[in-house]
Amino acid sequence: MAACVWWIILSLSWVLAAASKWSSEAIASYSAHFHAVGWLIPAAQTIVVLVFNAIDGDPVSGMCYVGNTNVNHLRMFVLGGKTDKFM
């Protein structure tokens, strides 16, 4: 999820630099805001997943993931977490 948020921030920086002709110094002045958004949103999503105890382990492969055994958790946290980035 953090990669999606950082991709949006990178895309916004590209738009500001290319289309709006912002200087690199003007974009760099927002770096603290970019880092706050880039880390707080995924951290909040992680905390919500932990609070709901939605992490499932696969006994065969030994991998832990959200929604391995519970389709509702998969829909709510994985698919919902991806689609809210596009809205």
PDB file of N, CA and C in Angstrom:
ATOM      1  N   MET A   1       0.816  -1.181   0.000  1.00  0.00           N
ATOM      2  CA  MET A   1       0.000   0.000   0.000  1.00  0.00           C
ATOM      3  C   MET A   1       0.869   1.259   0.000  1.00  0.00           C
ATOM      4  N   ALA A   2       2.007   1.177   0.660  1.00  0.00           N
ATOM      5  CA  ALA A   2       2.892   2.340   0.678  1.00  0.00           C
ATOM      6  C   ALA A   2       3.389   2.665  -0.718  1.00  0.00           C
ATOM      7  N   ALA A   3       3.620   1.638  -1.527  1.00  0.00           N
ATOM      8  CA  ALA A   3       4.085   1.877  -2.896  1.00  0.00           C
ATOM      9  C   ALA A   3       3.045   2.639  -3.702  1.00  0.00           C
ATOM     10  N   CYS A   4       1.775   2.350  -3.496  1.00  0.00           N
ATOM     11  CA  CYS A   4       0.707   3.079  -4.203  1.00  0.00           C
ATOM     12  C   CYS A   4       0.692   4.550  -3.792  1.00  0.00           C
ATOM     13  N   VAL A   5       0.826   4.802  -2.512  1.00  0.00           N
ATOM     14  CA  VAL A   5       0.813   6.185  -2.031  1.00  0.00           C
ATOM     15  C   VAL A   5       2.025   6.939  -2.560  1.00  0.00           C
ATOM     16  N   TRP A   6       3.200   6.297  -2.529  1.00  0.00           N
ATOM     17  CA  TRP A   6       4.402   6.960  -3.028  1.00  0.00           C
ATOM     18  C   TRP A   6       4.337   7.174  -4.534  1.00  0.00           C
ATOM     19  N   TRP A   7       3.686   6.275  -5.261  1.00  0.00           N
ATOM     20  CA  TRP A   7       3.522   6.468  -6.701  1.00  0.00           C
ATOM     21  C   TRP A   7       2.653   7.692  -6.984  1.00  0.00           C
ATOM     22  N   ILE A   8       1.614   7.886  -6.194  1.00  0.00           N
ATOM     23  CA  ILE A   8       0.756   9.065  -6.352  1.00  0.00           C
ATOM     24  C   ILE A   8       1.542  10.338  -6.044  1.00  0.00           C
ATOM     25  N   ILE A   9       2.363  10.301  -5.012  1.00  0.00           N
ATOM     26  CA  ILE A   9       3.182  11.466  -4.664  1.00  0.00           C
ATOM     27  C   ILE A   9       4.190  11.760  -5.769  1.00  0.00           C
ATOM     28  N   LEU A  10       4.816  10.721  -6.311  1.00  0.00           N
ATOM     29  CA  LEU A  10       5.758  10.910  -7.411  1.00  0.00           C
ATOM     30  C   LEU A  10       5.059  11.486  -8.636  1.00  0.00           C
ATOM     31  N   SER A  11       3.883  10.974  -8.942  1.00  0.00           N
ATOM     32  CA  SER A  11       3.116  11.488 -10.083  1.00  0.00           C
ATOM     33  C   SER A  11       2.729  12.948  -9.875  1.00  0.00           C
ATOM     34  N   LEU A  12       2.326  13.291  -8.667  1.00  0.00           N
ATOM     35  CA  LEU A  12       1.997  14.680  -8.361  1.00  0.00           C
ATOM     36  C   LEU A  12       3.220  15.576  -8.534  1.00  0.00           C
ATOM     37  N   SER A  13       4.372  15.110  -8.091  1.00  0.00           N
ATOM     38  CA  SER A  13       5.602  15.888  -8.256  1.00  0.00           C
ATOM     39  C   SER A  13       5.931  16.091  -9.725  1.00  0.00           C
ATOM     40  N   TRP A  14       5.750  15.049 -10.531  1.00  0.00           N
ATOM     41  CA  TRP A  14       5.984  15.178 -11.975  1.00  0.00           C
ATOM     42  C   TRP A  14       5.038  16.184 -12.602  1.00  0.00           C
ATOM     43  N   VAL A  15       3.774  16.147 -12.225  1.00  0.00           N
ATOM     44  CA  VAL A  15       2.797  17.096 -12.772  1.00  0.00           C
ATOM     45  C   VAL A  15       3.152  18.520 -12.366  1.00  0.00           C
ATOM     46  N   LEU A  16       3.532  18.697 -11.110  1.00  0.00           N
ATOM     47  CA  LEU A  16       3.900  20.038 -10.659  1.00  0.00           C
ATOM     48  C   LEU A  16       5.131  20.552 -11.393  1.00  0.00           C
ATOM     49  N   ALA A  17       6.089  19.669 -11.660  1.00  0.00           N
ATOM     50  CA  ALA A  17       7.310  20.089 -12.345  1.00  0.00           C
ATOM     51  C   ALA A  17       7.080  20.313 -13.831  1.00  0.00           C
ATOM     52  N   ALA A  18       6.343  19.431 -14.475  1.00  0.00           N
ATOM     53  CA  ALA A  18       6.201  19.498 -15.929  1.00  0.00           C
ATOM     54  C   ALA A  18       5.066  20.425 -16.365  1.00  0.00           C
ATOM     55  N   ALA A  19       3.885  20.220 -15.840  1.00  0.00           N
ATOM     56  CA  ALA A  19       2.725  20.974 -16.320  1.00  0.00           C
ATOM     57  C   ALA A  19       2.628  22.356 -15.674  1.00  0.00           C
ATOM     58  N   SER A  20       2.894  22.414 -14.385  1.00  0.00           N
ATOM     59  CA  SER A  20       2.739  23.690 -13.678  1.00  0.00           C
ATOM     60  C   SER A  20       4.028  24.489 -13.599  1.00  0.00           C
ATOM     61  N   LYS A  21       5.118  23.922 -14.093  1.00  0.00           N
ATOM     62  CA  LYS A  21       6.428  24.602 -14.137  1.00  0.00           C
ATOM     63  C   LYS A  21       6.924  25.031 -12.755  1.00  0.00           C
ATOM     64  N   TRP A  22       6.709  24.167 -11.750  1.00  0.00           N
ATOM     65  CA  TRP A  22       7.244  24.452 -10.428  1.00  0.00           C
ATOM     66  C   TRP A  22       8.735  24.149 -10.423  1.00  0.00           C
ATOM     67  N   SER A  23       9.489  24.906  -9.648  1.00  0.00           N
ATOM     68  CA  SER A  23      10.920  24.635  -9.519  1.00  0.00           C
ATOM     69  C   SER A  23      11.131  23.477  -8.547  1.00  0.00           C
ATOM     70  N   SER A  24      12.320  22.909  -8.601  1.00  0.00           N
ATOM     71  CA  SER A  24      12.617  21.797  -7.690  1.00  0.00           C
ATOM     72  C   SER A  24      12.633  22.268  -6.239  1.00  0.00           C
ATOM     73  N   GLU A  25      13.003  23.528  -6.015  1.00  0.00           N
ATOM     74  CA  GLU A  25      12.997  24.062  -4.652  1.00  0.00           C
ATOM     75  C   GLU A  25      11.570  24.195  -4.118  1.00  0.00           C
ATOM     76  N   ALA A  26      10.642  24.587  -4.980  1.00  0.00           N
ATOM     77  CA  ALA A  26       9.244  24.711  -4.550  1.00  0.00           C
ATOM     78  C   ALA A  26       8.659  23.346  -4.217  1.00  0.00           C
ATOM     79  N   ILE A  27       8.991  22.346  -5.020  1.00  0.00           N
ATOM     80  CA  ILE A  27       8.508  20.992  -4.739  1.00  0.00           C
ATOM     81  C   ILE A  27       9.172  20.449  -3.480  1.00  0.00           C
ATOM     82  N   ALA A  28      10.463  20.726  -3.315  1.00  0.00           N
ATOM     83  CA  ALA A  28      11.192  20.244  -2.133  1.00  0.00           C
ATOM     84  C   ALA A  28      10.663  20.871  -0.848  1.00  0.00           C
ATOM     85  N   SER A  29      10.065  22.052  -0.948  1.00  0.00           N
ATOM     86  CA  SER A  29       9.520  22.674   0.262  1.00  0.00           C
ATOM     87  C   SER A  29       8.324  21.897   0.813  1.00  0.00           C
ATOM     88  N   TYR A  30       7.714  21.063  -0.017  1.00  0.00           N
ATOM     89  CA  TYR A  30       6.594  20.227   0.415  1.00  0.00           C
ATOM     90  C   TYR A  30       7.031  18.813   0.788  1.00  0.00           C
ATOM     91  N   SER A  31       8.319  18.568   0.870  1.00  0.00           N
ATOM     92  CA  SER A  31       8.794  17.201   1.118  1.00  0.00           C
ATOM     93  C   SER A  31       8.339  16.661   2.474  1.00  0.00           C
ATOM     94  N   ALA A  32       8.255  17.509   3.481  1.00  0.00           N
ATOM     95  CA  ALA A  32       7.781  17.039   4.791  1.00  0.00           C
ATOM     96  C   ALA A  32       6.326  16.585   4.709  1.00  0.00           C
ATOM     97  N   HIS A  33       5.520  17.314   3.940  1.00  0.00           N
ATOM     98  CA  HIS A  33       4.120  16.915   3.758  1.00  0.00           C
ATOM     99  C   HIS A  33       4.032  15.615   2.965  1.00  0.00           C
ATOM    100  N   PHE A  34       4.861  15.495   1.937  1.00  0.00           N
ATOM    101  CA  PHE A  34       4.859  14.270   1.141  1.00  0.00           C
ATOM    102  C   PHE A  34       5.240  13.070   1.994  1.00  0.00           C
ATOM    103  N   HIS A  35       6.251  13.231   2.850  1.00  0.00           N
ATOM    104  CA  HIS A  35       6.668  12.123   3.705  1.00  0.00           C
ATOM    105  C   HIS A  35       5.602  11.788   4.746  1.00  0.00           C
ATOM    106  N   ALA A  36       4.946  12.801   5.270  1.00  0.00           N
ATOM    107  CA  ALA A  36       3.883  12.541   6.249  1.00  0.00           C
ATOM    108  C   ALA A  36       2.753  11.743   5.614  1.00  0.00           C
ATOM    109  N   VAL A  37       2.320  12.160   4.433  1.00  0.00           N
ATOM    110  CA  VAL A  37       1.251  11.434   3.742  1.00  0.00           C
ATOM    111  C   VAL A  37       1.734  10.058   3.313  1.00  0.00           C
ATOM    112  N   GLY A  38       2.970  10.000   2.810  1.00  0.00           N
ATOM    113  CA  GLY A  38       3.510   8.738   2.295  1.00  0.00           C
ATOM    114  C   GLY A  38       3.700   7.664   3.346  1.00  0.00           C
ATOM    115  N   TRP A  39       3.848   8.056   4.602  1.00  0.00           N
ATOM    116  CA  TRP A  39       4.039   7.046   5.644  1.00  0.00           C
ATOM    117  C   TRP A  39       2.861   6.922   6.596  1.00  0.00           C
ATOM    118  N   LEU A  40       2.104   7.985   6.813  1.00  0.00           N
ATOM    119  CA  LEU A  40       1.000   7.896   7.772  1.00  0.00           C
ATOM    120  C   LEU A  40      -0.198   7.121   7.227  1.00  0.00           C
ATOM    121  N   ILE A  41      -0.507   7.266   5.951  1.00  0.00           N
ATOM    122  CA  ILE A  41      -1.636   6.517   5.381  1.00  0.00           C
ATOM    123  C   ILE A  41      -1.369   5.011   5.421  1.00  0.00           C
ATOM    124  N   PRO A  42      -0.205   4.518   4.946  1.00  0.00           N
ATOM    125  CA  PRO A  42       0.045   3.073   5.061  1.00  0.00           C
ATOM    126  C   PRO A  42       0.152   2.597   6.511  1.00  0.00           C
ATOM    127  N   ALA A  43       0.684   3.440   7.390  1.00  0.00           N
ATOM    128  CA  ALA A  43       0.761   3.052   8.804  1.00  0.00           C
ATOM    129  C   ALA A  43      -0.633   2.910   9.400  1.00  0.00           C
ATOM    130  N   ALA A  44      -1.531   3.814   9.053  1.00  0.00           N
ATOM    131  CA  ALA A  44      -2.910   3.720   9.545  1.00  0.00           C
ATOM    132  C   ALA A  44      -3.589   2.467   9.011  1.00  0.00           C
ATOM    133  N   GLN A  45      -3.346   2.144   7.744  1.00  0.00           N
ATOM    134  CA  GLN A  45      -3.927   0.924   7.180  1.00  0.00           C
ATOM    135  C   GLN A  45      -3.378  -0.314   7.886  1.00  0.00           C
ATOM    136  N   THR A  46      -2.104  -0.316   8.196  1.00  0.00           N
ATOM    137  CA  THR A  46      -1.498  -1.445   8.901  1.00  0.00           C
ATOM    138  C   THR A  46      -2.082  -1.593  10.300  1.00  0.00           C
ATOM    139  N   ILE A  47      -2.266  -0.487  10.984  1.00  0.00           N
ATOM    140  CA  ILE A  47      -2.839  -0.534  12.331  1.00  0.00           C
ATOM    141  C   ILE A  47      -4.265  -1.068  12.293  1.00  0.00           C
ATOM    142  N   VAL A  48      -5.044  -0.652  11.304  1.00  0.00           N
ATOM    143  CA  VAL A  48      -6.424  -1.143  11.180  1.00  0.00           C
ATOM    144  C   VAL A  48      -6.437  -2.645  10.936  1.00  0.00           C
ATOM    145  N   VAL A  49      -5.544  -3.134  10.085  1.00  0.00           N
ATOM    146  CA  VAL A  49      -5.464  -4.578   9.818  1.00  0.00           C
ATOM    147  C   VAL A  49      -5.094  -5.330  11.091  1.00  0.00           C
ATOM    148  N   LEU A  50      -4.167  -4.792  11.869  1.00  0.00           N
ATOM    149  CA  LEU A  50      -3.773  -5.453  13.114  1.00  0.00           C
ATOM    150  C   LEU A  50      -4.893  -5.418  14.150  1.00  0.00           C
ATOM    151  N   VAL A  51      -5.628  -4.319  14.221  1.00  0.00           N
ATOM    152  CA  VAL A  51      -6.731  -4.217  15.178  1.00  0.00           C
ATOM    153  C   VAL A  51      -7.828  -5.224  14.849  1.00  0.00           C
ATOM    154  N   PHE A  52      -8.123  -5.393  13.560  1.00  0.00           N
ATOM    155  CA  PHE A  52      -9.149  -6.349  13.145  1.00  0.00           C
ATOM    156  C   PHE A  52      -8.636  -7.788  13.129  1.00  0.00           C
ATOM    157  N   ASN A  53      -7.361  -7.991  13.442  1.00  0.00           N
ATOM    158  CA  ASN A  53      -6.743  -9.322  13.454  1.00  0.00           C
ATOM    159  C   ASN A  53      -6.987 -10.031  12.115  1.00  0.00           C
ATOM    160  N   ALA A  54      -6.690  -9.330  11.039  1.00  0.00           N
ATOM    161  CA  ALA A  54      -7.017  -9.803   9.696  1.00  0.00           C
ATOM    162  C   ALA A  54      -5.851 -10.479   8.992  1.00  0.00           C
ATOM    163  N   ILE A  55      -4.741 -10.706   9.666  1.00  0.00           N
ATOM    164  CA  ILE A  55      -3.596 -11.351   9.035  1.00  0.00           C
ATOM    165  C   ILE A  55      -3.761 -12.856   9.163  1.00  0.00           C
ATOM    166  N   ASP A  56      -3.734 -13.531   8.013  1.00  0.00           N
ATOM    167  CA  ASP A  56      -3.910 -14.980   7.974  1.00  0.00           C
ATOM    168  C   ASP A  56      -2.602 -15.629   7.547  1.00  0.00           C
ATOM    169  N   GLY A  57      -2.340 -16.795   8.096  1.00  0.00           N
ATOM    170  CA  GLY A  57      -1.171 -17.558   7.700  1.00  0.00           C
ATOM    171  C   GLY A  57      -1.555 -18.769   6.876  1.00  0.00           C
ATOM    172  N   ASP A  58      -0.788 -19.033   5.842  1.00  0.00           N
ATOM    173  CA  ASP A  58      -1.014 -20.218   5.015  1.00  0.00           C
ATOM    174  C   ASP A  58      -0.175 -21.351   5.590  1.00  0.00           C
ATOM    175  N   PRO A  59      -0.794 -22.439   6.030  1.00  0.00           N
ATOM    176  CA  PRO A  59      -0.031 -23.515   6.670  1.00  0.00           C
ATOM    177  C   PRO A  59       0.894 -24.252   5.708  1.00  0.00           C
ATOM    178  N   VAL A  60       0.605 -24.245   4.419  1.00  0.00           N
ATOM    179  CA  VAL A  60       1.438 -24.974   3.459  1.00  0.00           C
ATOM    180  C   VAL A  60       2.686 -24.178   3.101  1.00  0.00           C
ATOM    181  N   SER A  61       2.501 -22.922   2.705  1.00  0.00           N
ATOM    182  CA  SER A  61       3.648 -22.122   2.267  1.00  0.00           C
ATOM    183  C   SER A  61       4.300 -21.358   3.407  1.00  0.00           C
ATOM    184  N   GLY A  62       3.585 -21.173   4.499  1.00  0.00           N
ATOM    185  CA  GLY A  62       4.132 -20.432   5.624  1.00  0.00           C
ATOM    186  C   GLY A  62       4.085 -18.923   5.438  1.00  0.00           C
ATOM    187  N   MET A  63       3.377 -18.456   4.421  1.00  0.00           N
ATOM    188  CA  MET A  63       3.286 -17.020   4.162  1.00  0.00           C
ATOM    189  C   MET A  63       2.116 -16.408   4.917  1.00  0.00           C
ATOM    190  N   CYS A  64       2.325 -15.218   5.414  1.00  0.00           N
ATOM    191  CA  CYS A  64       1.265 -14.469   6.076  1.00  0.00           C
ATOM    192  C   CYS A  64       0.805 -13.359   5.144  1.00  0.00           C
ATOM    193  N   TYR A  65      -0.505 -13.175   5.061  1.00  0.00           N
ATOM    194  CA  TYR A  65      -1.077 -12.168   4.173  1.00  0.00           C
ATOM    195  C   TYR A  65      -2.479 -11.832   4.670  1.00  0.00           C
ATOM    196  N   VAL A  66      -2.971 -10.710   4.261  1.00  0.00           N
ATOM    197  CA  VAL A  66      -4.334 -10.323   4.608  1.00  0.00           C
ATOM    198  C   VAL A  66      -5.277 -10.974   3.610  1.00  0.00           C
ATOM    199  N   GLY A  67      -6.185 -11.790   4.089  1.00  0.00           N
ATOM    200  CA  GLY A  67      -7.200 -12.378   3.237  1.00  0.00           C
ATOM    201  C   GLY A  67      -6.871 -13.730   2.659  1.00  0.00           C
ATOM    202  N   ASN A  68      -5.895 -14.438   3.213  1.00  0.00           N
ATOM    203  CA  ASN A  68      -5.619 -15.798   2.729  1.00  0.00           C
ATOM    204  C   ASN A  68      -6.796 -16.728   2.967  1.00  0.00           C
ATOM    205  N   THR A  69      -7.371 -16.659   4.143  1.00  0.00           N
ATOM    206  CA  THR A  69      -8.459 -17.570   4.484  1.00  0.00           C
ATOM    207  C   THR A  69      -9.808 -16.873   4.630  1.00  0.00           C
ATOM    208  N   ASN A  70      -9.814 -15.555   4.673  1.00  0.00           N
ATOM    209  CA  ASN A  70     -11.062 -14.813   4.854  1.00  0.00           C
ATOM    210  C   ASN A  70     -11.248 -13.862   3.673  1.00  0.00           C
ATOM    211  N   VAL A  71     -12.206 -14.173   2.825  1.00  0.00           N
ATOM    212  CA  VAL A  71     -12.436 -13.376   1.616  1.00  0.00           C
ATOM    213  C   VAL A  71     -12.931 -11.973   1.961  1.00  0.00           C
ATOM    214  N   ASN A  72     -13.672 -11.842   3.051  1.00  0.00           N
ATOM    215  CA  ASN A  72     -14.147 -10.510   3.449  1.00  0.00           C
ATOM    216  C   ASN A  72     -12.989  -9.590   3.811  1.00  0.00           C
ATOM    217  N   HIS A  73     -11.988 -10.117   4.499  1.00  0.00           N
ATOM    218  CA  HIS A  73     -10.804  -9.313   4.806  1.00  0.00           C
ATOM    219  C   HIS A  73     -10.051  -8.953   3.535  1.00  0.00           C
ATOM    220  N   LEU A  74     -10.003  -9.877   2.587  1.00  0.00           N
ATOM    221  CA  LEU A  74      -9.348  -9.592   1.309  1.00  0.00           C
ATOM    222  C   LEU A  74     -10.050  -8.443   0.598  1.00  0.00           C
ATOM    223  N   ARG A  75     -11.361  -8.499   0.542  1.00  0.00           N
ATOM    224  CA  ARG A  75     -12.120  -7.434  -0.124  1.00  0.00           C
ATOM    225  C   ARG A  75     -11.969  -6.097   0.594  1.00  0.00           C
ATOM    226  N   MET A  76     -12.076  -6.141   1.922  1.00  0.00           N
ATOM    227  CA  MET A  76     -12.103  -4.903   2.684  1.00  0.00           C
ATOM    228  C   MET A  76     -10.732  -4.229   2.730  1.00  0.00           C
ATOM    229  N   PHE A  77      -9.688  -4.988   3.000  1.00  0.00           N
ATOM    230  CA  PHE A  77      -8.392  -4.372   3.251  1.00  0.00           C
ATOM    231  C   PHE A  77      -7.494  -4.311   2.017  1.00  0.00           C
ATOM    232  N   VAL A  78      -7.486  -5.343   1.210  1.00  0.00           N
ATOM    233  CA  VAL A  78      -6.593  -5.340   0.053  1.00  0.00           C
ATOM    234  C   VAL A  78      -7.240  -4.608  -1.120  1.00  0.00           C
ATOM    235  N   LEU A  79      -8.400  -5.078  -1.551  1.00  0.00           N
ATOM    236  CA  LEU A  79      -9.056  -4.435  -2.689  1.00  0.00           C
ATOM    237  C   LEU A  79      -9.553  -3.037  -2.331  1.00  0.00           C
ATOM    238  N   GLY A  80     -10.111  -2.896  -1.151  1.00  0.00           N
ATOM    239  CA  GLY A  80     -10.556  -1.574  -0.711  1.00  0.00           C
ATOM    240  C   GLY A  80      -9.405  -0.607  -0.525  1.00  0.00           C
ATOM    241  N   GLY A  81      -8.291  -1.114  -0.035  1.00  0.00           N
ATOM    242  CA  GLY A  81      -7.112  -0.274   0.140  1.00  0.00           C
ATOM    243  C   GLY A  81      -6.508   0.185  -1.172  1.00  0.00           C
ATOM    244  N   LYS A  82      -6.645  -0.637  -2.202  1.00  0.00           N
ATOM    245  CA  LYS A  82      -6.143  -0.245  -3.525  1.00  0.00           C
ATOM    246  C   LYS A  82      -7.092   0.726  -4.216  1.00  0.00           C
ATOM    247  N   THR A  83      -8.394   0.484  -4.102  1.00  0.00           N
ATOM    248  CA  THR A  83      -9.338   1.331  -4.831  1.00  0.00           C
ATOM    249  C   THR A  83      -9.477   2.722  -4.226  1.00  0.00           C
ATOM    250  N   ASP A  84      -9.206   2.877  -2.932  1.00  0.00           N
ATOM    251  CA  ASP A  84      -9.317   4.221  -2.364  1.00  0.00           C
ATOM    252  C   ASP A  84      -8.213   5.137  -2.868  1.00  0.00           C
ATOM    253  N   LYS A  85      -7.133   4.579  -3.394  1.00  0.00           N
ATOM    254  CA  LYS A  85      -6.065   5.402  -3.968  1.00  0.00           C
ATOM    255  C   LYS A  85      -6.483   6.002  -5.310  1.00  0.00           C
ATOM    256  N   PHE A  86      -7.430   5.354  -5.988  1.00  0.00           N
ATOM    257  CA  PHE A  86      -7.854   5.821  -7.302  1.00  0.00           C
ATOM    258  C   PHE A  86      -8.994   6.827  -7.232  1.00  0.00           C
ATOM    259  N   MET A  87      -9.581   6.994  -6.074  1.00  0.00           N
ATOM    260  CA  MET A  87     -10.725   7.905  -5.950  1.00  0.00           C
ATOM    261  C   MET A  87     -10.273   9.323  -5.720  1.00  0.00           C
TER     262      MET A  87
END
